[in-house]
Amino acid sequence: MADDRRRSAYELLKGFWTENPILVMVLGMCPTLAVTTSAINGLTMGLAVVFVLTASSVIISLVRNIIPKEVRIPTFIVIIATFVTMVDLFLKAFFLDLSKALGPFIPLIVVNCIILGRAEAFASKNNVWLSFLDALGVSLGFTVTLIFLGGVREILGMRTFFGMKVLGKGFEPMIIMLLPPGAFLTLGFMLGAKNLIDRKLKEKRGGKVGH
């Protein structure tokens, strides 16, 4: 029982740090760099991925034993596309401005490496509960990273966070943060910071750090 709980906790939490899809696996770079001009865009994209990944992983885990191996990838894509279409239509119906801001990147979730990768590597090989926890953890880790990335760019580029003013008029907005180079710079600093933290933690535990 204790082992099951530890396994469940690991599957849920791994996506936030040890297997973060952006900072560790470096997946989903197109939406990561393209839509994170603000925190709200990052949150919206992240929540869309949470819904699609968790729902598709559960369904794929449920039917994994009846899907012929020869057509498993097309089947996964059809399942994923169904949930992506639901998200896309929902945003267009209730949040049109956000839908326009995210542009084609919501429909492109269908071919997002994170979604298909978790379906093939995990959901198709594990039970429903573990597949749900894996998908939820990875997608929430993705969402938190997008919000942080978008928040930094929004604060430095527009002096706002989720649309609220956070810096005074004395701060000159850095327009570059709202442009593609700003996304690369911010993500680069985030990757560097994570690697530095991991290195310090490993050194603190007495482990050898590779070069």
N, C-alpha and C. Protein backbone atom coordinates (compact mmCIF):
# COMPACT_ATOMS: atom_id res chain seq x y z
N MET A 1 0.83 -1.21 0.00
CA MET A 1 0.00 0.00 0.00
C MET A 1 0.87 1.25 0.00
N ALA A 2 1.91 1.24 0.85
CA ALA A 2 2.80 2.39 0.91
C ALA A 2 3.52 2.59 -0.41
N ASP A 3 3.91 1.48 -1.05
CA ASP A 3 4.58 1.57 -2.35
C ASP A 3 3.65 2.16 -3.40
N ASP A 4 2.37 1.77 -3.35
CA ASP A 4 1.40 2.31 -4.31
C ASP A 4 1.23 3.82 -4.12
N ARG A 5 1.22 4.24 -2.87
CA ARG A 5 1.07 5.68 -2.59
C ARG A 5 2.29 6.46 -3.07
N ARG A 6 3.47 5.89 -2.82
CA ARG A 6 4.69 6.55 -3.29
C ARG A 6 4.72 6.63 -4.80
N ARG A 7 4.30 5.55 -5.45
CA ARG A 7 4.27 5.55 -6.92
C ARG A 7 3.29 6.59 -7.43
N SER A 8 2.12 6.67 -6.81
CA SER A 8 1.11 7.64 -7.23
C SER A 8 1.62 9.07 -7.05
N ALA A 9 2.25 9.32 -5.89
CA ALA A 9 2.78 10.66 -5.63
C ALA A 9 3.87 11.02 -6.63
N TYR A 10 4.72 10.05 -6.95
CA TYR A 10 5.80 10.32 -7.91
C TYR A 10 5.22 10.65 -9.29
N GLU A 11 4.25 9.86 -9.76
CA GLU A 11 3.68 10.10 -11.07
C GLU A 11 3.01 11.46 -11.16
N LEU A 12 2.42 11.91 -10.05
CA LEU A 12 1.74 13.21 -10.05
C LEU A 12 2.73 14.37 -10.02
N LEU A 13 3.82 14.22 -9.27
CA LEU A 13 4.72 15.34 -9.02
C LEU A 13 5.89 15.43 -10.00
N LYS A 14 6.19 14.37 -10.71
CA LYS A 14 7.39 14.35 -11.54
C LYS A 14 7.36 15.41 -12.63
N GLY A 15 6.18 15.74 -13.12
CA GLY A 15 6.06 16.70 -14.22
C GLY A 15 6.41 18.13 -13.83
N PHE A 16 6.44 18.40 -12.52
CA PHE A 16 6.75 19.76 -12.08
C PHE A 16 8.26 20.05 -12.10
N TRP A 17 9.08 18.99 -11.95
CA TRP A 17 10.52 19.25 -11.88
C TRP A 17 11.34 18.19 -12.61
N THR A 18 11.34 16.96 -12.10
CA THR A 18 12.26 15.95 -12.64
C THR A 18 11.95 15.57 -14.08
N GLU A 19 10.68 15.64 -14.48
CA GLU A 19 10.30 15.33 -15.86
C GLU A 19 9.46 16.45 -16.46
N ASN A 20 9.80 17.68 -16.10
CA ASN A 20 9.07 18.82 -16.66
C ASN A 20 9.19 18.81 -18.18
N PRO A 21 8.06 18.86 -18.89
CA PRO A 21 8.12 18.72 -20.36
C PRO A 21 8.89 19.82 -21.07
N ILE A 22 8.96 21.01 -20.48
CA ILE A 22 9.68 22.12 -21.10
C ILE A 22 11.13 22.19 -20.62
N LEU A 23 11.31 22.17 -19.31
CA LEU A 23 12.64 22.42 -18.73
C LEU A 23 13.54 21.19 -18.72
N VAL A 24 12.98 20.01 -18.89
CA VAL A 24 13.78 18.79 -18.89
C VAL A 24 13.72 18.09 -20.24
N MET A 25 12.50 17.81 -20.72
CA MET A 25 12.35 17.08 -21.97
C MET A 25 12.40 17.99 -23.20
N VAL A 26 12.27 19.30 -22.97
CA VAL A 26 12.31 20.31 -24.04
C VAL A 26 11.33 19.96 -25.16
N LEU A 27 10.09 19.72 -24.76
CA LEU A 27 9.02 19.41 -25.72
C LEU A 27 8.02 20.56 -25.77
N GLY A 28 7.23 20.60 -26.84
CA GLY A 28 6.21 21.63 -26.97
C GLY A 28 6.77 23.02 -27.10
N MET A 29 7.89 23.15 -27.79
CA MET A 29 8.56 24.45 -27.88
C MET A 29 7.80 25.47 -28.70
N CYS A 30 7.05 25.03 -29.70
CA CYS A 30 6.33 26.00 -30.54
C CYS A 30 5.33 26.82 -29.73
N PRO A 31 4.38 26.18 -29.02
CA PRO A 31 3.47 27.00 -28.21
C PRO A 31 4.18 27.69 -27.05
N THR A 32 5.20 27.04 -26.50
CA THR A 32 5.93 27.63 -25.37
C THR A 32 6.52 28.98 -25.74
N LEU A 33 7.12 29.07 -26.90
CA LEU A 33 7.77 30.31 -27.31
C LEU A 33 6.81 31.28 -27.98
N ALA A 34 5.77 30.76 -28.62
CA ALA A 34 4.91 31.62 -29.43
C ALA A 34 3.79 32.31 -28.66
N VAL A 35 3.21 31.63 -27.67
CA VAL A 35 2.00 32.19 -27.04
C VAL A 35 2.26 32.84 -25.70
N THR A 36 3.48 32.76 -25.20
CA THR A 36 3.73 33.25 -23.83
C THR A 36 4.10 34.73 -23.77
N THR A 37 3.40 35.55 -24.53
CA THR A 37 3.61 36.99 -24.43
C THR A 37 2.91 37.57 -23.20
N SER A 38 2.07 36.77 -22.55
CA SER A 38 1.40 37.21 -21.32
C SER A 38 1.09 35.99 -20.47
N ALA A 39 0.86 36.23 -19.19
CA ALA A 39 0.56 35.13 -18.27
C ALA A 39 -0.78 34.47 -18.60
N ILE A 40 -1.77 35.26 -19.01
CA ILE A 40 -3.09 34.70 -19.30
C ILE A 40 -3.04 33.78 -20.52
N ASN A 41 -2.22 34.13 -21.50
CA ASN A 41 -2.05 33.24 -22.66
C ASN A 41 -1.42 31.92 -22.23
N GLY A 42 -0.41 32.01 -21.37
CA GLY A 42 0.23 30.80 -20.88
C GLY A 42 -0.74 29.94 -20.09
N LEU A 43 -1.55 30.58 -19.24
CA LEU A 43 -2.54 29.84 -18.46
C LEU A 43 -3.56 29.16 -19.35
N THR A 44 -4.06 29.88 -20.34
CA THR A 44 -5.07 29.31 -21.23
C THR A 44 -4.53 28.12 -22.01
N MET A 45 -3.35 28.28 -22.59
CA MET A 45 -2.74 27.17 -23.32
C MET A 45 -2.48 25.99 -22.38
N GLY A 46 -2.01 26.30 -21.19
CA GLY A 46 -1.74 25.24 -20.23
C GLY A 46 -2.99 24.46 -19.83
N LEU A 47 -4.07 25.18 -19.56
CA LEU A 47 -5.31 24.51 -19.18
C LEU A 47 -5.87 23.68 -20.34
N ALA A 48 -5.69 24.17 -21.55
CA ALA A 48 -6.12 23.38 -22.72
C ALA A 48 -5.36 22.07 -22.78
N VAL A 49 -4.05 22.13 -22.53
CA VAL A 49 -3.23 20.92 -22.54
C VAL A 49 -3.60 20.00 -21.37
N VAL A 50 -3.91 20.57 -20.20
CA VAL A 50 -4.34 19.77 -19.06
C VAL A 50 -5.57 18.94 -19.43
N PHE A 51 -6.56 19.58 -20.02
CA PHE A 51 -7.79 18.88 -20.38
C PHE A 51 -7.53 17.81 -21.43
N VAL A 52 -6.84 18.20 -22.49
CA VAL A 52 -6.62 17.26 -23.60
C VAL A 52 -5.76 16.08 -23.15
N LEU A 53 -4.68 16.35 -22.43
CA LEU A 53 -3.77 15.28 -22.04
C LEU A 53 -4.40 14.32 -21.04
N THR A 54 -5.08 14.86 -20.02
CA THR A 54 -5.68 13.97 -19.02
C THR A 54 -6.82 13.15 -19.62
N ALA A 55 -7.68 13.81 -20.40
CA ALA A 55 -8.82 13.10 -20.98
C ALA A 55 -8.37 12.04 -21.98
N SER A 56 -7.44 12.39 -22.85
CA SER A 56 -6.98 11.42 -23.86
C SER A 56 -6.19 10.29 -23.22
N SER A 57 -5.41 10.58 -22.18
CA SER A 57 -4.64 9.52 -21.52
C SER A 57 -5.57 8.51 -20.85
N VAL A 58 -6.62 8.99 -20.21
CA VAL A 58 -7.57 8.09 -19.57
C VAL A 58 -8.25 7.19 -20.61
N ILE A 59 -8.70 7.79 -21.70
CA ILE A 59 -9.38 6.99 -22.74
C ILE A 59 -8.42 5.99 -23.36
N ILE A 60 -7.21 6.43 -23.67
CA ILE A 60 -6.22 5.54 -24.29
C ILE A 60 -5.86 4.40 -23.35
N SER A 61 -5.75 4.67 -22.06
CA SER A 61 -5.46 3.62 -21.10
C SER A 61 -6.62 2.62 -21.02
N LEU A 62 -7.83 3.12 -21.10
CA LEU A 62 -9.00 2.24 -21.04
C LEU A 62 -9.07 1.28 -22.23
N VAL A 63 -8.70 1.76 -23.41
CA VAL A 63 -8.86 0.94 -24.62
C VAL A 63 -7.54 0.38 -25.13
N ARG A 64 -6.48 0.50 -24.34
CA ARG A 64 -5.15 0.12 -24.83
C ARG A 64 -5.05 -1.34 -25.24
N ASN A 65 -5.82 -2.21 -24.59
CA ASN A 65 -5.71 -3.64 -24.90
C ASN A 65 -6.53 -4.07 -26.10
N ILE A 66 -7.36 -3.18 -26.61
CA ILE A 66 -8.18 -3.57 -27.76
C ILE A 66 -7.77 -2.82 -29.04
N ILE A 67 -6.78 -1.95 -28.93
CA ILE A 67 -6.30 -1.23 -30.11
C ILE A 67 -5.22 -2.06 -30.79
N PRO A 68 -5.39 -2.42 -32.05
CA PRO A 68 -4.34 -3.16 -32.76
C PRO A 68 -3.04 -2.35 -32.80
N LYS A 69 -1.92 -3.00 -32.59
CA LYS A 69 -0.64 -2.30 -32.55
C LYS A 69 -0.36 -1.56 -33.86
N GLU A 70 -0.86 -2.11 -34.97
CA GLU A 70 -0.56 -1.52 -36.27
C GLU A 70 -1.20 -0.15 -36.46
N VAL A 71 -2.26 0.12 -35.73
CA VAL A 71 -2.97 1.41 -35.91
C VAL A 71 -3.03 2.21 -34.62
N ARG A 72 -2.13 1.93 -33.69
CA ARG A 72 -2.22 2.59 -32.39
C ARG A 72 -1.99 4.11 -32.51
N ILE A 73 -0.99 4.54 -33.31
CA ILE A 73 -0.71 5.97 -33.42
C ILE A 73 -1.87 6.71 -34.07
N PRO A 74 -2.41 6.24 -35.23
CA PRO A 74 -3.59 6.93 -35.78
C PRO A 74 -4.77 6.95 -34.81
N THR A 75 -4.93 5.88 -34.05
CA THR A 75 -6.02 5.85 -33.07
C THR A 75 -5.80 6.88 -31.98
N PHE A 76 -4.57 6.99 -31.50
CA PHE A 76 -4.25 7.99 -30.48
C PHE A 76 -4.54 9.39 -31.01
N ILE A 77 -4.17 9.65 -32.24
CA ILE A 77 -4.37 10.98 -32.84
C ILE A 77 -5.85 11.32 -32.94
N VAL A 78 -6.66 10.33 -33.32
CA VAL A 78 -8.11 10.56 -33.43
C VAL A 78 -8.69 10.90 -32.06
N ILE A 79 -8.28 10.16 -31.04
CA ILE A 79 -8.77 10.44 -29.67
C ILE A 79 -8.34 11.83 -29.23
N ILE A 80 -7.07 12.15 -29.42
CA ILE A 80 -6.56 13.46 -29.03
C ILE A 80 -7.26 14.57 -29.79
N ALA A 81 -7.45 14.38 -31.10
CA ALA A 81 -8.09 15.40 -31.94
C ALA A 81 -9.53 15.68 -31.49
N THR A 82 -10.20 14.67 -30.99
CA THR A 82 -11.58 14.86 -30.50
C THR A 82 -11.61 15.86 -29.35
N PHE A 83 -10.70 15.68 -28.40
CA PHE A 83 -10.67 16.59 -27.24
C PHE A 83 -10.13 17.97 -27.61
N VAL A 84 -9.20 18.02 -28.55
CA VAL A 84 -8.69 19.32 -29.00
C VAL A 84 -9.80 20.12 -29.67
N THR A 85 -10.62 19.45 -30.47
CA THR A 85 -11.74 20.12 -31.13
C THR A 85 -12.71 20.68 -30.10
N MET A 86 -12.96 19.92 -29.03
CA MET A 86 -13.84 20.40 -27.96
C MET A 86 -13.29 21.68 -27.33
N VAL A 87 -11.99 21.69 -27.05
CA VAL A 87 -11.36 22.87 -26.45
C VAL A 87 -11.42 24.05 -27.41
N ASP A 88 -11.11 23.82 -28.67
CA ASP A 88 -11.09 24.89 -29.67
C ASP A 88 -12.47 25.52 -29.81
N LEU A 89 -13.50 24.71 -29.89
CA LEU A 89 -14.87 25.23 -30.03
C LEU A 89 -15.32 25.95 -28.76
N PHE A 90 -14.91 25.44 -27.61
CA PHE A 90 -15.25 26.09 -26.33
C PHE A 90 -14.65 27.49 -26.26
N LEU A 91 -13.38 27.61 -26.61
CA LEU A 91 -12.73 28.92 -26.56
C LEU A 91 -13.36 29.89 -27.56
N LYS A 92 -13.67 29.41 -28.74
CA LYS A 92 -14.29 30.28 -29.75
C LYS A 92 -15.68 30.73 -29.32
N ALA A 93 -16.37 29.89 -28.56
CA ALA A 93 -17.73 30.22 -28.14
C ALA A 93 -17.75 31.17 -26.94
N PHE A 94 -16.82 31.00 -26.00
CA PHE A 94 -16.89 31.75 -24.75
C PHE A 94 -15.72 32.70 -24.51
N PHE A 95 -14.60 32.47 -25.17
CA PHE A 95 -13.41 33.32 -24.96
C PHE A 95 -12.78 33.63 -26.32
N LEU A 96 -13.51 34.38 -27.12
CA LEU A 96 -13.09 34.61 -28.50
C LEU A 96 -11.75 35.35 -28.57
N ASP A 97 -11.55 36.33 -27.71
CA ASP A 97 -10.30 37.09 -27.74
C ASP A 97 -9.09 36.20 -27.45
N LEU A 98 -9.24 35.32 -26.47
CA LEU A 98 -8.16 34.39 -26.15
C LEU A 98 -7.93 33.42 -27.29
N SER A 99 -9.02 32.97 -27.90
CA SER A 99 -8.91 32.06 -29.03
C SER A 99 -8.12 32.71 -30.17
N LYS A 100 -8.42 33.99 -30.44
CA LYS A 100 -7.69 34.70 -31.48
C LYS A 100 -6.23 34.90 -31.11
N ALA A 101 -5.98 35.19 -29.83
CA ALA A 101 -4.61 35.42 -29.38
C ALA A 101 -3.75 34.16 -29.53
N LEU A 102 -4.35 33.01 -29.25
CA LEU A 102 -3.60 31.75 -29.33
C LEU A 102 -3.52 31.23 -30.75
N GLY A 103 -4.37 31.75 -31.62
CA GLY A 103 -4.30 31.43 -33.05
C GLY A 103 -4.36 29.94 -33.34
N PRO A 104 -3.45 29.46 -34.19
CA PRO A 104 -3.50 28.05 -34.60
C PRO A 104 -2.91 27.09 -33.57
N PHE A 105 -2.40 27.61 -32.47
CA PHE A 105 -1.68 26.73 -31.54
C PHE A 105 -2.60 25.84 -30.72
N ILE A 106 -3.88 26.20 -30.59
CA ILE A 106 -4.83 25.28 -29.96
C ILE A 106 -5.07 24.07 -30.85
N PRO A 107 -5.45 24.25 -32.13
CA PRO A 107 -5.61 23.07 -33.00
C PRO A 107 -4.33 22.24 -33.11
N LEU A 108 -3.17 22.89 -33.03
CA LEU A 108 -1.91 22.17 -33.18
C LEU A 108 -1.57 21.32 -31.96
N ILE A 109 -2.37 21.39 -30.90
CA ILE A 109 -2.17 20.49 -29.76
C ILE A 109 -2.27 19.04 -30.21
N VAL A 110 -3.02 18.81 -31.29
CA VAL A 110 -3.18 17.45 -31.82
C VAL A 110 -1.83 16.79 -32.06
N VAL A 111 -0.88 17.55 -32.56
CA VAL A 111 0.43 16.99 -32.89
C VAL A 111 1.50 17.43 -31.91
N ASN A 112 1.09 17.92 -30.75
CA ASN A 112 2.06 18.33 -29.73
C ASN A 112 2.81 17.10 -29.23
N CYS A 113 4.13 17.19 -29.19
CA CYS A 113 4.96 16.05 -28.78
C CYS A 113 4.64 15.59 -27.37
N ILE A 114 4.25 16.51 -26.50
CA ILE A 114 3.94 16.14 -25.13
C ILE A 114 2.74 15.20 -25.09
N ILE A 115 1.69 15.56 -25.82
CA ILE A 115 0.45 14.77 -25.79
C ILE A 115 0.67 13.38 -26.36
N LEU A 116 1.18 13.33 -27.57
CA LEU A 116 1.38 12.04 -28.23
C LEU A 116 2.44 11.21 -27.52
N GLY A 117 3.46 11.90 -26.99
CA GLY A 117 4.52 11.19 -26.29
C GLY A 117 4.02 10.49 -25.03
N ARG A 118 3.19 11.17 -24.23
CA ARG A 118 2.65 10.54 -23.02
C ARG A 118 1.69 9.42 -23.38
N ALA A 119 0.95 9.58 -24.47
CA ALA A 119 0.04 8.52 -24.89
C ALA A 119 0.81 7.25 -25.25
N GLU A 120 1.87 7.41 -26.03
CA GLU A 120 2.65 6.26 -26.49
C GLU A 120 3.53 5.69 -25.38
N ALA A 121 4.18 6.56 -24.61
CA ALA A 121 5.16 6.08 -23.62
C ALA A 121 4.53 5.64 -22.31
N PHE A 122 3.36 6.18 -21.97
CA PHE A 122 2.82 5.88 -20.64
C PHE A 122 1.38 5.34 -20.68
N ALA A 123 0.44 6.11 -21.22
CA ALA A 123 -0.97 5.71 -21.14
C ALA A 123 -1.24 4.37 -21.81
N SER A 124 -0.52 4.07 -22.88
CA SER A 124 -0.76 2.82 -23.60
C SER A 124 -0.14 1.61 -22.89
N LYS A 125 0.59 1.87 -21.77
CA LYS A 125 1.27 0.77 -21.06
C LYS A 125 0.89 0.67 -19.59
N ASN A 126 0.05 1.59 -19.10
CA ASN A 126 -0.27 1.61 -17.67
C ASN A 126 -1.77 1.70 -17.44
N ASN A 127 -2.17 1.45 -16.17
CA ASN A 127 -3.60 1.47 -15.86
C ASN A 127 -4.15 2.90 -15.85
N VAL A 128 -5.44 3.00 -15.71
CA VAL A 128 -6.13 4.29 -15.83
C VAL A 128 -5.68 5.27 -14.75
N TRP A 129 -5.55 4.80 -13.51
CA TRP A 129 -5.22 5.70 -12.41
C TRP A 129 -3.82 6.30 -12.59
N LEU A 130 -2.85 5.46 -12.88
CA LEU A 130 -1.49 5.96 -13.07
C LEU A 130 -1.40 6.84 -14.31
N SER A 131 -2.14 6.49 -15.35
CA SER A 131 -2.14 7.30 -16.57
C SER A 131 -2.74 8.68 -16.30
N PHE A 132 -3.79 8.70 -15.50
CA PHE A 132 -4.40 9.98 -15.12
C PHE A 132 -3.42 10.84 -14.33
N LEU A 133 -2.76 10.24 -13.34
CA LEU A 133 -1.81 10.99 -12.52
C LEU A 133 -0.63 11.49 -13.35
N ASP A 134 -0.12 10.64 -14.22
CA ASP A 134 0.99 11.04 -15.09
C ASP A 134 0.60 12.22 -15.96
N ALA A 135 -0.56 12.11 -16.61
CA ALA A 135 -1.02 13.18 -17.50
C ALA A 135 -1.28 14.47 -16.74
N LEU A 136 -1.91 14.36 -15.58
CA LEU A 136 -2.23 15.55 -14.78
C LEU A 136 -0.94 16.23 -14.31
N GLY A 137 0.01 15.45 -13.82
CA GLY A 137 1.25 16.03 -13.33
C GLY A 137 2.06 16.70 -14.42
N VAL A 138 2.21 16.01 -15.55
CA VAL A 138 2.99 16.56 -16.65
C VAL A 138 2.33 17.82 -17.21
N SER A 139 1.01 17.78 -17.37
CA SER A 139 0.32 18.93 -17.95
C SER A 139 0.29 20.12 -16.99
N LEU A 140 0.18 19.86 -15.68
CA LEU A 140 0.24 20.96 -14.71
C LEU A 140 1.65 21.55 -14.65
N GLY A 141 2.66 20.70 -14.76
CA GLY A 141 4.02 21.21 -14.82
C GLY A 141 4.23 22.09 -16.03
N PHE A 142 3.66 21.67 -17.15
CA PHE A 142 3.71 22.46 -18.39
C PHE A 142 3.01 23.80 -18.18
N THR A 143 1.85 23.77 -17.52
CA THR A 143 1.06 24.99 -17.30
C THR A 143 1.80 25.98 -16.40
N VAL A 144 2.36 25.49 -15.30
CA VAL A 144 3.09 26.37 -14.37
C VAL A 144 4.27 27.01 -15.08
N THR A 145 4.97 26.24 -15.89
CA THR A 145 6.12 26.78 -16.62
C THR A 145 5.69 27.85 -17.62
N LEU A 146 4.58 27.61 -18.32
CA LEU A 146 4.07 28.61 -19.26
C LEU A 146 3.66 29.90 -18.55
N ILE A 147 3.00 29.76 -17.40
CA ILE A 147 2.57 30.95 -16.66
C ILE A 147 3.79 31.75 -16.20
N PHE A 148 4.80 31.04 -15.70
CA PHE A 148 6.01 31.74 -15.25
C PHE A 148 6.70 32.44 -16.41
N LEU A 149 6.85 31.73 -17.52
CA LEU A 149 7.49 32.31 -18.70
C LEU A 149 6.70 33.50 -19.22
N GLY A 150 5.38 33.32 -19.37
CA GLY A 150 4.54 34.41 -19.85
C GLY A 150 4.48 35.57 -18.87
N GLY A 151 4.50 35.26 -17.55
CA GLY A 151 4.46 36.30 -16.55
C GLY A 151 5.70 37.18 -16.57
N VAL A 152 6.86 36.56 -16.69
CA VAL A 152 8.11 37.33 -16.76
C VAL A 152 8.11 38.23 -17.99
N ARG A 153 7.71 37.69 -19.12
CA ARG A 153 7.70 38.49 -20.35
C ARG A 153 6.69 39.62 -20.26
N GLU A 154 5.52 39.35 -19.66
CA GLU A 154 4.49 40.38 -19.54
C GLU A 154 4.93 41.49 -18.59
N ILE A 155 5.53 41.11 -17.46
CA ILE A 155 5.96 42.11 -16.48
C ILE A 155 7.04 43.01 -17.08
N LEU A 156 8.03 42.41 -17.71
CA LEU A 156 9.13 43.21 -18.25
C LEU A 156 8.76 43.92 -19.55
N GLY A 157 7.81 43.35 -20.28
CA GLY A 157 7.44 43.94 -21.56
C GLY A 157 6.29 44.92 -21.51
N MET A 158 5.38 44.75 -20.53
CA MET A 158 4.20 45.61 -20.46
C MET A 158 3.94 46.19 -19.07
N ARG A 159 4.77 45.83 -18.09
CA ARG A 159 4.62 46.29 -16.71
C ARG A 159 3.32 45.80 -16.07
N THR A 160 2.79 44.69 -16.56
CA THR A 160 1.55 44.14 -16.00
C THR A 160 1.73 42.65 -15.73
N PHE A 161 0.82 42.10 -14.91
CA PHE A 161 0.77 40.66 -14.66
C PHE A 161 -0.68 40.27 -14.60
N PHE A 162 -1.10 39.42 -15.52
CA PHE A 162 -2.52 39.10 -15.70
C PHE A 162 -3.32 40.38 -15.90
N GLY A 163 -2.72 41.34 -16.61
CA GLY A 163 -3.40 42.59 -16.95
C GLY A 163 -3.37 43.65 -15.87
N MET A 164 -2.84 43.33 -14.70
CA MET A 164 -2.80 44.30 -13.60
C MET A 164 -1.42 44.96 -13.54
N LYS A 165 -1.41 46.28 -13.32
CA LYS A 165 -0.15 47.01 -13.25
C LYS A 165 0.66 46.56 -12.04
N VAL A 166 1.94 46.23 -12.28
CA VAL A 166 2.79 45.78 -11.19
C VAL A 166 4.08 46.60 -11.09
N LEU A 167 4.41 47.35 -12.10
CA LEU A 167 5.60 48.19 -12.07
C LEU A 167 5.20 49.63 -12.36
N GLY A 168 5.88 50.55 -11.69
CA GLY A 168 5.55 51.97 -11.85
C GLY A 168 6.01 52.54 -13.18
N LYS A 169 5.64 53.79 -13.40
CA LYS A 169 5.99 54.46 -14.65
C LYS A 169 7.49 54.68 -14.79
N GLY A 170 8.21 54.58 -13.69
CA GLY A 170 9.65 54.75 -13.75
C GLY A 170 10.36 53.62 -14.46
N PHE A 171 9.66 52.48 -14.60
CA PHE A 171 10.27 51.35 -15.29
C PHE A 171 9.94 51.43 -16.78
N GLU A 172 10.96 51.40 -17.60
CA GLU A 172 10.77 51.45 -19.05
C GLU A 172 10.54 50.04 -19.58
N PRO A 173 9.37 49.78 -20.18
CA PRO A 173 9.09 48.43 -20.71
C PRO A 173 10.14 47.98 -21.72
N MET A 174 10.48 46.72 -21.63
CA MET A 174 11.47 46.13 -22.54
C MET A 174 10.70 45.44 -23.67
N ILE A 175 10.50 46.14 -24.76
CA ILE A 175 9.68 45.63 -25.86
C ILE A 175 10.20 44.31 -26.40
N ILE A 176 11.51 44.10 -26.30
CA ILE A 176 12.09 42.86 -26.81
C ILE A 176 11.49 41.63 -26.13
N MET A 177 11.01 41.80 -24.89
CA MET A 177 10.44 40.67 -24.18
C MET A 177 9.14 40.17 -24.79
N LEU A 178 8.49 41.02 -25.58
CA LEU A 178 7.25 40.62 -26.24
C LEU A 178 7.51 40.06 -27.64
N LEU A 179 8.76 40.06 -28.05
CA LEU A 179 9.15 39.56 -29.36
C LEU A 179 9.80 38.18 -29.22
N PRO A 180 9.94 37.44 -30.31
CA PRO A 180 10.54 36.09 -30.24
C PRO A 180 11.88 36.04 -29.49
N PRO A 181 12.80 37.00 -29.69
CA PRO A 181 14.04 36.93 -28.92
C PRO A 181 13.82 36.94 -27.41
N GLY A 182 12.80 37.66 -26.95
CA GLY A 182 12.48 37.70 -25.53
C GLY A 182 12.08 36.33 -24.99
N ALA A 183 11.35 35.58 -25.82
CA ALA A 183 10.95 34.23 -25.41
C ALA A 183 12.17 33.32 -25.27
N PHE A 184 13.07 33.39 -26.24
CA PHE A 184 14.28 32.57 -26.19
C PHE A 184 15.15 32.95 -25.00
N LEU A 185 15.32 34.26 -24.75
CA LEU A 185 16.13 34.71 -23.64
C LEU A 185 15.57 34.24 -22.30
N THR A 186 14.27 34.43 -22.12
CA THR A 186 13.64 34.05 -20.86
C THR A 186 13.72 32.55 -20.63
N LEU A 187 13.41 31.78 -21.67
CA LEU A 187 13.48 30.33 -21.54
C LEU A 187 14.91 29.88 -21.27
N GLY A 188 15.87 30.52 -21.91
CA GLY A 188 17.27 30.19 -21.66
C GLY A 188 17.67 30.41 -20.21
N PHE A 189 17.25 31.54 -19.63
CA PHE A 189 17.55 31.80 -18.23
C PHE A 189 16.85 30.79 -17.32
N MET A 190 15.62 30.40 -17.68
CA MET A 190 14.90 29.41 -16.88
C MET A 190 15.60 28.06 -16.92
N LEU A 191 16.04 27.66 -18.10
CA LEU A 191 16.77 26.39 -18.22
C LEU A 191 18.07 26.43 -17.43
N GLY A 192 18.78 27.57 -17.53
CA GLY A 192 20.01 27.71 -16.78
C GLY A 192 19.79 27.67 -15.28
N ALA A 193 18.73 28.33 -14.82
CA ALA A 193 18.42 28.35 -13.39
C ALA A 193 18.09 26.96 -12.88
N LYS A 194 17.31 26.21 -13.66
CA LYS A 194 16.96 24.84 -13.23
C LYS A 194 18.20 23.96 -13.17
N ASN A 195 19.06 24.06 -14.18
CA ASN A 195 20.27 23.25 -14.18
C ASN A 195 21.17 23.61 -12.99
N LEU A 196 21.24 24.90 -12.67
CA LEU A 196 22.05 25.34 -11.54
C LEU A 196 21.50 24.79 -10.22
N ILE A 197 20.17 24.87 -10.07
CA ILE A 197 19.54 24.35 -8.85
C ILE A 197 19.77 22.85 -8.73
N ASP A 198 19.60 22.12 -9.84
CA ASP A 198 19.83 20.67 -9.82
C ASP A 198 21.28 20.36 -9.44
N ARG A 199 22.19 21.12 -9.99
CA ARG A 199 23.61 20.90 -9.68
C ARG A 199 23.89 21.14 -8.18
N LYS A 200 23.35 22.23 -7.64
CA LYS A 200 23.57 22.53 -6.23
C LYS A 200 22.95 21.46 -5.32
N LEU A 201 21.76 20.99 -5.70
CA LEU A 201 21.11 19.95 -4.91
C LEU A 201 21.91 18.66 -4.93
N LYS A 202 22.45 18.34 -6.11
CA LYS A 202 23.25 17.12 -6.23
C LYS A 202 24.53 17.23 -5.42
N GLU A 203 25.16 18.40 -5.46
CA GLU A 203 26.37 18.61 -4.68
C GLU A 203 26.08 18.54 -3.18
N LYS A 204 24.92 19.06 -2.79
CA LYS A 204 24.54 19.04 -1.38
C LYS A 204 24.32 17.63 -0.88
N ARG A 205 23.82 16.76 -1.77
CA ARG A 205 23.61 15.36 -1.39
C ARG A 205 24.90 14.54 -1.46
N GLY A 206 25.97 15.20 -1.95
CA GLY A 206 27.23 14.50 -2.01
C GLY A 206 27.46 13.72 -3.28
N GLY A 207 26.59 13.94 -4.29
CA GLY A 207 26.73 13.22 -5.54
C GLY A 207 27.73 13.89 -6.44
N LYS A 208 28.26 13.13 -7.35
CA LYS A 208 29.21 13.68 -8.32
C LYS A 208 28.46 14.34 -9.46
N VAL A 209 28.90 15.49 -9.88
CA VAL A 209 28.25 16.22 -10.95
C VAL A 209 29.03 16.00 -12.23
N GLY A 210 28.33 15.55 -13.25
CA GLY A 210 29.00 15.31 -14.53
C GLY A 210 29.31 16.59 -15.26
N HIS A 211 30.27 16.51 -16.20
CA HIS A 211 30.67 17.68 -16.95
C HIS A 211 30.21 17.53 -18.39
